[in-house]
Amino acid sequence: MKQIDEITIGADELILWLRKNGKALSSTTDKAHGLGFEISRVMKSLNAEQLNEEPCFWGETGSFIDQYQLPKTAMQYRINVDMLPELYRQLLDL
């Protein structure tokens, strides 16, 4: 079996994880000043490669989108799997 060294993960997935775990609830998802900006900052510090902004898989409608204040589009990143524990540790501080 081939070992995976990197994964692609979107800021939307990270925002959903934060919201579902009761974190960063008062932060907006704004790319300029909110969670999108903070996630970008954390990703850069972990040497993740910024890819493209993509539509989120959950679409544009649904009660959970408003409930969790989720974005409709999100930046995608490629990150080394060994950095995932540190990524989630840093996200908890947002």
PDB file of N, CA and C in Angstrom:
ATOM      1  N   MET A   1       0.831  -1.170   0.000  1.00  0.00           N
ATOM      2  CA  MET A   1       0.000   0.000   0.000  1.00  0.00           C
ATOM      3  C   MET A   1       0.884   1.245   0.000  1.00  0.00           C
ATOM      4  N   LYS A   2       0.523   2.209  -0.832  1.00  0.00           N
ATOM      5  CA  LYS A   2       1.300   3.443  -0.946  1.00  0.00           C
ATOM      6  C   LYS A   2       1.056   4.339   0.265  1.00  0.00           C
ATOM      7  N   GLN A   3       2.136   4.864   0.814  1.00  0.00           N
ATOM      8  CA  GLN A   3       2.040   5.775   1.961  1.00  0.00           C
ATOM      9  C   GLN A   3       1.669   7.167   1.469  1.00  0.00           C
ATOM     10  N   ILE A   4       0.759   7.817   2.170  1.00  0.00           N
ATOM     11  CA  ILE A   4       0.339   9.174   1.834  1.00  0.00           C
ATOM     12  C   ILE A   4       1.170  10.150   2.650  1.00  0.00           C
ATOM     13  N   ASP A   5       1.831  11.082   1.964  1.00  0.00           N
ATOM     14  CA  ASP A   5       2.654  12.075   2.640  1.00  0.00           C
ATOM     15  C   ASP A   5       1.943  13.416   2.786  1.00  0.00           C
ATOM     16  N   GLU A   6       1.036  13.717   1.846  1.00  0.00           N
ATOM     17  CA  GLU A   6       0.337  15.000   1.868  1.00  0.00           C
ATOM     18  C   GLU A   6      -1.146  14.782   1.619  1.00  0.00           C
ATOM     19  N   ILE A   7      -1.946  15.701   2.145  1.00  0.00           N
ATOM     20  CA  ILE A   7      -3.376  15.690   1.863  1.00  0.00           C
ATOM     21  C   ILE A   7      -3.781  17.095   1.432  1.00  0.00           C
ATOM     22  N   THR A   8      -4.923  17.164   0.771  1.00  0.00           N
ATOM     23  CA  THR A   8      -5.542  18.443   0.464  1.00  0.00           C
ATOM     24  C   THR A   8      -6.704  18.601   1.430  1.00  0.00           C
ATOM     25  N   ILE A   9      -6.742  19.748   2.087  1.00  0.00           N
ATOM     26  CA  ILE A   9      -7.801  20.032   3.057  1.00  0.00           C
ATOM     27  C   ILE A   9      -8.242  21.473   2.856  1.00  0.00           C
ATOM     28  N   GLY A  10      -9.535  21.691   2.978  1.00  0.00           N
ATOM     29  CA  GLY A  10     -10.071  23.027   2.777  1.00  0.00           C
ATOM     30  C   GLY A  10     -10.313  23.748   4.095  1.00  0.00           C
ATOM     31  N   ALA A  11     -10.250  25.072   4.026  1.00  0.00           N
ATOM     32  CA  ALA A  11     -10.570  25.877   5.207  1.00  0.00           C
ATOM     33  C   ALA A  11     -11.989  25.595   5.674  1.00  0.00           C
ATOM     34  N   ASP A  12     -12.886  25.225   4.746  1.00  0.00           N
ATOM     35  CA  ASP A  12     -14.264  24.909   5.119  1.00  0.00           C
ATOM     36  C   ASP A  12     -14.326  23.713   6.074  1.00  0.00           C
ATOM     37  N   GLU A  13     -13.513  22.702   5.814  1.00  0.00           N
ATOM     38  CA  GLU A  13     -13.474  21.531   6.687  1.00  0.00           C
ATOM     39  C   GLU A  13     -12.987  21.905   8.088  1.00  0.00           C
ATOM     40  N   LEU A  14     -12.004  22.789   8.128  1.00  0.00           N
ATOM     41  CA  LEU A  14     -11.438  23.212   9.412  1.00  0.00           C
ATOM     42  C   LEU A  14     -12.430  24.093  10.173  1.00  0.00           C
ATOM     43  N   ILE A  15     -13.138  24.952   9.452  1.00  0.00           N
ATOM     44  CA  ILE A  15     -14.152  25.792  10.096  1.00  0.00           C
ATOM     45  C   ILE A  15     -15.276  24.917  10.641  1.00  0.00           C
ATOM     46  N   LEU A  16     -15.718  23.945   9.867  1.00  0.00           N
ATOM     47  CA  LEU A  16     -16.768  23.035  10.351  1.00  0.00           C
ATOM     48  C   LEU A  16     -16.305  22.307  11.600  1.00  0.00           C
ATOM     49  N   TRP A  17     -15.075  21.810  11.605  1.00  0.00           N
ATOM     50  CA  TRP A  17     -14.548  21.111  12.781  1.00  0.00           C
ATOM     51  C   TRP A  17     -14.547  22.030  14.000  1.00  0.00           C
ATOM     52  N   LEU A  18     -14.096  23.272  13.814  1.00  0.00           N
ATOM     53  CA  LEU A  18     -14.095  24.227  14.924  1.00  0.00           C
ATOM     54  C   LEU A  18     -15.506  24.461  15.448  1.00  0.00           C
ATOM     55  N   ARG A  19     -16.443  24.744  14.552  1.00  0.00           N
ATOM     56  CA  ARG A  19     -17.822  25.049  14.951  1.00  0.00           C
ATOM     57  C   ARG A  19     -18.471  23.851  15.659  1.00  0.00           C
ATOM     58  N   LYS A  20     -18.281  22.649  15.098  1.00  0.00           N
ATOM     59  CA  LYS A  20     -18.900  21.462  15.699  1.00  0.00           C
ATOM     60  C   LYS A  20     -18.355  21.170  17.090  1.00  0.00           C
ATOM     61  N   ASN A  21     -17.151  21.658  17.355  1.00  0.00           N
ATOM     62  CA  ASN A  21     -16.541  21.435  18.659  1.00  0.00           C
ATOM     63  C   ASN A  21     -16.644  22.658  19.570  1.00  0.00           C
ATOM     64  N   GLY A  22     -17.518  23.580  19.194  1.00  0.00           N
ATOM     65  CA  GLY A  22     -17.790  24.742  20.042  1.00  0.00           C
ATOM     66  C   GLY A  22     -16.660  25.746  20.119  1.00  0.00           C
ATOM     67  N   LYS A  23     -15.806  25.795  19.112  1.00  0.00           N
ATOM     68  CA  LYS A  23     -14.657  26.706  19.115  1.00  0.00           C
ATOM     69  C   LYS A  23     -14.865  27.827  18.096  1.00  0.00           C
ATOM     70  N   ALA A  24     -14.274  28.982  18.370  1.00  0.00           N
ATOM     71  CA  ALA A  24     -14.288  30.136  17.465  1.00  0.00           C
ATOM     72  C   ALA A  24     -15.696  30.521  17.045  1.00  0.00           C
ATOM     73  N   LEU A  25     -16.646  30.370  17.941  1.00  0.00           N
ATOM     74  CA  LEU A  25     -18.041  30.645  17.605  1.00  0.00           C
ATOM     75  C   LEU A  25     -18.314  32.119  17.354  1.00  0.00           C
ATOM     76  N   SER A  26     -17.546  32.989  17.961  1.00  0.00           N
ATOM     77  CA  SER A  26     -17.778  34.417  17.768  1.00  0.00           C
ATOM     78  C   SER A  26     -17.001  34.985  16.583  1.00  0.00           C
ATOM     79  N   SER A  27     -16.164  34.170  15.942  1.00  0.00           N
ATOM     80  CA  SER A  27     -15.377  34.617  14.792  1.00  0.00           C
ATOM     81  C   SER A  27     -16.170  34.456  13.506  1.00  0.00           C
ATOM     82  N   THR A  28     -16.021  35.417  12.602  1.00  0.00           N
ATOM     83  CA  THR A  28     -16.636  35.284  11.282  1.00  0.00           C
ATOM     84  C   THR A  28     -15.770  34.371  10.431  1.00  0.00           C
ATOM     85  N   THR A  29     -16.290  34.002   9.262  1.00  0.00           N
ATOM     86  CA  THR A  29     -15.496  33.177   8.336  1.00  0.00           C
ATOM     87  C   THR A  29     -14.784  34.043   7.311  1.00  0.00           C
ATOM     88  N   ASP A  30     -14.810  35.347   7.466  1.00  0.00           N
ATOM     89  CA  ASP A  30     -14.237  36.312   6.525  1.00  0.00           C
ATOM     90  C   ASP A  30     -12.776  36.000   6.206  1.00  0.00           C
ATOM     91  N   LYS A  31     -12.453  36.019   4.903  1.00  0.00           N
ATOM     92  CA  LYS A  31     -11.082  35.733   4.468  1.00  0.00           C
ATOM     93  C   LYS A  31     -10.121  36.861   4.812  1.00  0.00           C
ATOM     94  N   ALA A  32     -10.651  38.071   4.953  1.00  0.00           N
ATOM     95  CA  ALA A  32      -9.784  39.225   5.202  1.00  0.00           C
ATOM     96  C   ALA A  32      -9.443  39.389   6.676  1.00  0.00           C
ATOM     97  N   HIS A  33     -10.369  39.052   7.568  1.00  0.00           N
ATOM     98  CA  HIS A  33     -10.129  39.306   8.997  1.00  0.00           C
ATOM     99  C   HIS A  33     -10.546  38.164   9.916  1.00  0.00           C
ATOM    100  N   GLY A  34     -11.346  37.239   9.446  1.00  0.00           N
ATOM    101  CA  GLY A  34     -11.903  36.207  10.306  1.00  0.00           C
ATOM    102  C   GLY A  34     -11.144  34.899  10.271  1.00  0.00           C
ATOM    103  N   LEU A  35     -11.892  33.805  10.380  1.00  0.00           N
ATOM    104  CA  LEU A  35     -11.272  32.478  10.438  1.00  0.00           C
ATOM    105  C   LEU A  35     -10.499  32.139   9.163  1.00  0.00           C
ATOM    106  N   GLY A  36     -11.016  32.571   8.015  1.00  0.00           N
ATOM    107  CA  GLY A  36     -10.292  32.307   6.768  1.00  0.00           C
ATOM    108  C   GLY A  36      -8.893  32.889   6.802  1.00  0.00           C
ATOM    109  N   PHE A  37      -8.780  34.100   7.316  1.00  0.00           N
ATOM    110  CA  PHE A  37      -7.477  34.759   7.448  1.00  0.00           C
ATOM    111  C   PHE A  37      -6.599  34.008   8.451  1.00  0.00           C
ATOM    112  N   GLU A  38      -7.159  33.659   9.591  1.00  0.00           N
ATOM    113  CA  GLU A  38      -6.391  32.968  10.630  1.00  0.00           C
ATOM    114  C   GLU A  38      -5.944  31.582  10.174  1.00  0.00           C
ATOM    115  N   ILE A  39      -6.820  30.875   9.467  1.00  0.00           N
ATOM    116  CA  ILE A  39      -6.445  29.556   8.954  1.00  0.00           C
ATOM    117  C   ILE A  39      -5.309  29.700   7.944  1.00  0.00           C
ATOM    118  N   SER A  40      -5.386  30.707   7.087  1.00  0.00           N
ATOM    119  CA  SER A  40      -4.318  30.960   6.121  1.00  0.00           C
ATOM    120  C   SER A  40      -2.997  31.215   6.838  1.00  0.00           C
ATOM    121  N   ARG A  41      -3.042  31.988   7.899  1.00  0.00           N
ATOM    122  CA  ARG A  41      -1.834  32.306   8.674  1.00  0.00           C
ATOM    123  C   ARG A  41      -1.238  31.023   9.282  1.00  0.00           C
ATOM    124  N   VAL A  42      -2.087  30.194   9.853  1.00  0.00           N
ATOM    125  CA  VAL A  42      -1.622  28.940  10.453  1.00  0.00           C
ATOM    126  C   VAL A  42      -1.045  28.028   9.379  1.00  0.00           C
ATOM    127  N   MET A  43      -1.722  27.929   8.258  1.00  0.00           N
ATOM    128  CA  MET A  43      -1.245  27.061   7.178  1.00  0.00           C
ATOM    129  C   MET A  43       0.126  27.512   6.680  1.00  0.00           C
ATOM    130  N   LYS A  44       0.315  28.805   6.533  1.00  0.00           N
ATOM    131  CA  LYS A  44       1.622  29.318   6.099  1.00  0.00           C
ATOM    132  C   LYS A  44       2.702  28.958   7.100  1.00  0.00           C
ATOM    133  N   SER A  45       2.380  29.061   8.397  1.00  0.00           N
ATOM    134  CA  SER A  45       3.372  28.746   9.423  1.00  0.00           C
ATOM    135  C   SER A  45       3.758  27.266   9.410  1.00  0.00           C
ATOM    136  N   LEU A  46       2.887  26.427   8.847  1.00  0.00           N
ATOM    137  CA  LEU A  46       3.149  24.984   8.779  1.00  0.00           C
ATOM    138  C   LEU A  46       3.625  24.560   7.387  1.00  0.00           C
ATOM    139  N   ASN A  47       3.993  25.549   6.577  1.00  0.00           N
ATOM    140  CA  ASN A  47       4.509  25.302   5.230  1.00  0.00           C
ATOM    141  C   ASN A  47       3.524  24.575   4.316  1.00  0.00           C
ATOM    142  N   ALA A  48       2.241  24.811   4.525  1.00  0.00           N
ATOM    143  CA  ALA A  48       1.233  24.241   3.633  1.00  0.00           C
ATOM    144  C   ALA A  48       1.212  25.044   2.342  1.00  0.00           C
ATOM    145  N   GLU A  49       0.896  24.381   1.262  1.00  0.00           N
ATOM    146  CA  GLU A  49       0.797  25.039  -0.036  1.00  0.00           C
ATOM    147  C   GLU A  49      -0.643  25.495  -0.251  1.00  0.00           C
ATOM    148  N   GLN A  50      -0.812  26.779  -0.536  1.00  0.00           N
ATOM    149  CA  GLN A  50      -2.137  27.308  -0.828  1.00  0.00           C
ATOM    150  C   GLN A  50      -2.480  26.947  -2.266  1.00  0.00           C
ATOM    151  N   LEU A  51      -3.668  26.383  -2.475  1.00  0.00           N
ATOM    152  CA  LEU A  51      -4.089  25.955  -3.807  1.00  0.00           C
ATOM    153  C   LEU A  51      -5.101  26.951  -4.368  1.00  0.00           C
ATOM    154  N   ASN A  52      -6.343  26.532  -4.537  1.00  0.00           N
ATOM    155  CA  ASN A  52      -7.389  27.375  -5.112  1.00  0.00           C
ATOM    156  C   ASN A  52      -8.572  27.490  -4.175  1.00  0.00           C
ATOM    157  N   GLU A  53      -9.327  28.549  -4.353  1.00  0.00           N
ATOM    158  CA  GLU A  53     -10.604  28.668  -3.643  1.00  0.00           C
ATOM    159  C   GLU A  53     -11.627  27.865  -4.434  1.00  0.00           C
ATOM    160  N   GLU A  54     -12.376  27.040  -3.725  1.00  0.00           N
ATOM    161  CA  GLU A  54     -13.343  26.145  -4.356  1.00  0.00           C
ATOM    162  C   GLU A  54     -14.697  26.262  -3.668  1.00  0.00           C
ATOM    163  N   PRO A  55     -15.783  25.915  -4.384  1.00  0.00           N
ATOM    164  CA  PRO A  55     -17.094  25.862  -3.726  1.00  0.00           C
ATOM    165  C   PRO A  55     -17.087  24.763  -2.661  1.00  0.00           C
ATOM    166  N   CYS A  56     -17.810  24.979  -1.593  1.00  0.00           N
ATOM    167  CA  CYS A  56     -17.894  23.980  -0.527  1.00  0.00           C
ATOM    168  C   CYS A  56     -18.843  22.861  -0.939  1.00  0.00           C
ATOM    169  N   PHE A  57     -18.579  21.656  -0.494  1.00  0.00           N
ATOM    170  CA  PHE A  57     -19.380  20.495  -0.863  1.00  0.00           C
ATOM    171  C   PHE A  57     -20.810  20.570  -0.348  1.00  0.00           C
ATOM    172  N   TRP A  58     -21.058  21.331   0.723  1.00  0.00           N
ATOM    173  CA  TRP A  58     -22.407  21.374   1.273  1.00  0.00           C
ATOM    174  C   TRP A  58     -23.312  22.328   0.512  1.00  0.00           C
ATOM    175  N   GLY A  59     -22.810  22.983  -0.503  1.00  0.00           N
ATOM    176  CA  GLY A  59     -23.641  23.863  -1.321  1.00  0.00           C
ATOM    177  C   GLY A  59     -23.877  25.215  -0.674  1.00  0.00           C
ATOM    178  N   GLU A  60     -24.950  25.863  -1.096  1.00  0.00           N
ATOM    179  CA  GLU A  60     -25.218  27.218  -0.634  1.00  0.00           C
ATOM    180  C   GLU A  60     -26.406  27.332   0.288  1.00  0.00           C
ATOM    181  N   THR A  61     -27.141  26.263   0.482  1.00  0.00           N
ATOM    182  CA  THR A  61     -28.329  26.326   1.335  1.00  0.00           C
ATOM    183  C   THR A  61     -28.343  25.185   2.334  1.00  0.00           C
ATOM    184  N   GLY A  62     -29.079  25.370   3.396  1.00  0.00           N
ATOM    185  CA  GLY A  62     -29.226  24.355   4.434  1.00  0.00           C
ATOM    186  C   GLY A  62     -29.136  24.998   5.799  1.00  0.00           C
ATOM    187  N   SER A  63     -29.951  24.514   6.722  1.00  0.00           N
ATOM    188  CA  SER A  63     -29.991  25.122   8.064  1.00  0.00           C
ATOM    189  C   SER A  63     -28.653  25.017   8.782  1.00  0.00           C
ATOM    190  N   PHE A  64     -27.909  23.943   8.552  1.00  0.00           N
ATOM    191  CA  PHE A  64     -26.621  23.780   9.245  1.00  0.00           C
ATOM    192  C   PHE A  64     -25.603  24.816   8.808  1.00  0.00           C
ATOM    193  N   ILE A  65     -25.744  25.344   7.583  1.00  0.00           N
ATOM    194  CA  ILE A  65     -24.812  26.365   7.101  1.00  0.00           C
ATOM    195  C   ILE A  65     -24.926  27.607   7.976  1.00  0.00           C
ATOM    196  N   ASP A  66     -26.152  28.031   8.229  1.00  0.00           N
ATOM    197  CA  ASP A  66     -26.362  29.174   9.113  1.00  0.00           C
ATOM    198  C   ASP A  66     -26.031  28.821  10.556  1.00  0.00           C
ATOM    199  N   GLN A  67     -26.427  27.620  10.970  1.00  0.00           N
ATOM    200  CA  GLN A  67     -26.189  27.191  12.354  1.00  0.00           C
ATOM    201  C   GLN A  67     -24.702  27.232  12.695  1.00  0.00           C
ATOM    202  N   TYR A  68     -23.862  26.764  11.788  1.00  0.00           N
ATOM    203  CA  TYR A  68     -22.427  26.709  12.045  1.00  0.00           C
ATOM    204  C   TYR A  68     -21.661  27.863  11.391  1.00  0.00           C
ATOM    205  N   GLN A  69     -22.389  28.810  10.783  1.00  0.00           N
ATOM    206  CA  GLN A  69     -21.762  29.959  10.117  1.00  0.00           C
ATOM    207  C   GLN A  69     -20.684  29.499   9.136  1.00  0.00           C
ATOM    208  N   LEU A  70     -21.083  28.635   8.211  1.00  0.00           N
ATOM    209  CA  LEU A  70     -20.138  28.041   7.274  1.00  0.00           C
ATOM    210  C   LEU A  70     -20.047  28.849   5.985  1.00  0.00           C
ATOM    211  N   PRO A  71     -18.877  28.863   5.360  1.00  0.00           N
ATOM    212  CA  PRO A  71     -18.689  29.596   4.103  1.00  0.00           C
ATOM    213  C   PRO A  71     -19.276  28.825   2.916  1.00  0.00           C
ATOM    214  N   LYS A  72     -19.471  29.541   1.813  1.00  0.00           N
ATOM    215  CA  LYS A  72     -19.941  28.914   0.578  1.00  0.00           C
ATOM    216  C   LYS A  72     -18.771  28.520  -0.326  1.00  0.00           C
ATOM    217  N   THR A  73     -17.644  29.205  -0.169  1.00  0.00           N
ATOM    218  CA  THR A  73     -16.415  28.846  -0.871  1.00  0.00           C
ATOM    219  C   THR A  73     -15.277  28.861   0.150  1.00  0.00           C
ATOM    220  N   ALA A  74     -14.228  28.122  -0.143  1.00  0.00           N
ATOM    221  CA  ALA A  74     -13.107  28.065   0.812  1.00  0.00           C
ATOM    222  C   ALA A  74     -11.803  27.748   0.099  1.00  0.00           C
ATOM    223  N   MET A  75     -10.732  28.303   0.639  1.00  0.00           N
ATOM    224  CA  MET A  75      -9.388  28.034   0.126  1.00  0.00           C
ATOM    225  C   MET A  75      -9.015  26.593   0.454  1.00  0.00           C
ATOM    226  N   GLN A  76      -8.317  25.970  -0.483  1.00  0.00           N
ATOM    227  CA  GLN A  76      -7.820  24.609  -0.307  1.00  0.00           C
ATOM    228  C   GLN A  76      -6.307  24.670  -0.074  1.00  0.00           C
ATOM    229  N   TYR A  77      -5.817  23.746   0.718  1.00  0.00           N
ATOM    230  CA  TYR A  77      -4.392  23.698   1.056  1.00  0.00           C
ATOM    231  C   TYR A  77      -3.877  22.278   0.919  1.00  0.00           C
ATOM    232  N   ARG A  78      -2.620  22.142   0.577  1.00  0.00           N
ATOM    233  CA  ARG A  78      -1.928  20.854   0.586  1.00  0.00           C
ATOM    234  C   ARG A  78      -0.946  20.911   1.750  1.00  0.00           C
ATOM    235  N   ILE A  79      -1.043  19.921   2.629  1.00  0.00           N
ATOM    236  CA  ILE A  79      -0.225  19.930   3.839  1.00  0.00           C
ATOM    237  C   ILE A  79       0.317  18.528   4.109  1.00  0.00           C
ATOM    238  N   ASN A  80       1.501  18.477   4.646  1.00  0.00           N
ATOM    239  CA  ASN A  80       2.118  17.213   5.038  1.00  0.00           C
ATOM    240  C   ASN A  80       1.309  16.605   6.181  1.00  0.00           C
ATOM    241  N   VAL A  81       1.005  15.328   6.089  1.00  0.00           N
ATOM    242  CA  VAL A  81       0.183  14.677   7.108  1.00  0.00           C
ATOM    243  C   VAL A  81       0.825  14.713   8.496  1.00  0.00           C
ATOM    244  N   ASP A  82       2.137  14.785   8.548  1.00  0.00           N
ATOM    245  CA  ASP A  82       2.812  14.851   9.842  1.00  0.00           C
ATOM    246  C   ASP A  82       2.519  16.161  10.578  1.00  0.00           C
ATOM    247  N   MET A  83       2.039  17.169   9.844  1.00  0.00           N
ATOM    248  CA  MET A  83       1.749  18.473  10.447  1.00  0.00           C
ATOM    249  C   MET A  83       0.316  18.579  10.969  1.00  0.00           C
ATOM    250  N   LEU A  84      -0.516  17.570  10.731  1.00  0.00           N
ATOM    251  CA  LEU A  84      -1.925  17.654  11.136  1.00  0.00           C
ATOM    252  C   LEU A  84      -2.128  17.825  12.637  1.00  0.00           C
ATOM    253  N   PRO A  85      -1.410  17.095  13.494  1.00  0.00           N
ATOM    254  CA  PRO A  85      -1.615  17.335  14.928  1.00  0.00           C
ATOM    255  C   PRO A  85      -1.323  18.791  15.321  1.00  0.00           C
ATOM    256  N   GLU A  86      -0.258  19.365  14.771  1.00  0.00           N
ATOM    257  CA  GLU A  86       0.076  20.750  15.083  1.00  0.00           C
ATOM    258  C   GLU A  86      -0.964  21.706  14.502  1.00  0.00           C
ATOM    259  N   LEU A  87      -1.465  21.405  13.328  1.00  0.00           N
ATOM    260  CA  LEU A  87      -2.518  22.225  12.726  1.00  0.00           C
ATOM    261  C   LEU A  87      -3.717  22.313  13.664  1.00  0.00           C
ATOM    262  N   TYR A  88      -4.187  21.180  14.133  1.00  0.00           N
ATOM    263  CA  TYR A  88      -5.362  21.182  15.011  1.00  0.00           C
ATOM    264  C   TYR A  88      -5.060  21.813  16.364  1.00  0.00           C
ATOM    265  N   ARG A  89      -3.851  21.646  16.870  1.00  0.00           N
ATOM    266  CA  ARG A  89      -3.478  22.340  18.129  1.00  0.00           C
ATOM    267  C   ARG A  89      -3.550  23.835  17.955  1.00  0.00           C
ATOM    268  N   GLN A  90      -3.014  24.337  16.841  1.00  0.00           N
ATOM    269  CA  GLN A  90      -3.037  25.782  16.611  1.00  0.00           C
ATOM    270  C   GLN A  90      -4.454  26.295  16.362  1.00  0.00           C
ATOM    271  N   LEU A  91      -5.277  25.504  15.710  1.00  0.00           N
ATOM    272  CA  LEU A  91      -6.659  25.929  15.467  1.00  0.00           C
ATOM    273  C   LEU A  91      -7.428  26.100  16.776  1.00  0.00           C
ATOM    274  N   LEU A  92      -7.112  25.289  17.751  1.00  0.00           N
ATOM    275  CA  LEU A  92      -7.804  25.403  19.048  1.00  0.00           C
ATOM    276  C   LEU A  92      -7.531  26.731  19.733  1.00  0.00           C
ATOM    277  N   ASP A  93      -6.455  27.403  19.351  1.00  0.00           N
ATOM    278  CA  ASP A  93      -6.123  28.704  19.940  1.00  0.00           C
ATOM    279  C   ASP A  93      -6.803  29.879  19.241  1.00  0.00           C
ATOM    280  N   LEU A  94      -7.523  29.631  18.155  1.00  0.00           N
ATOM    281  CA  LEU A  94      -8.160  30.724  17.418  1.00  0.00           C
ATOM    282  C   LEU A  94      -9.375  31.270  18.155  1.00  0.00           C
TER     283      LEU A  94
END
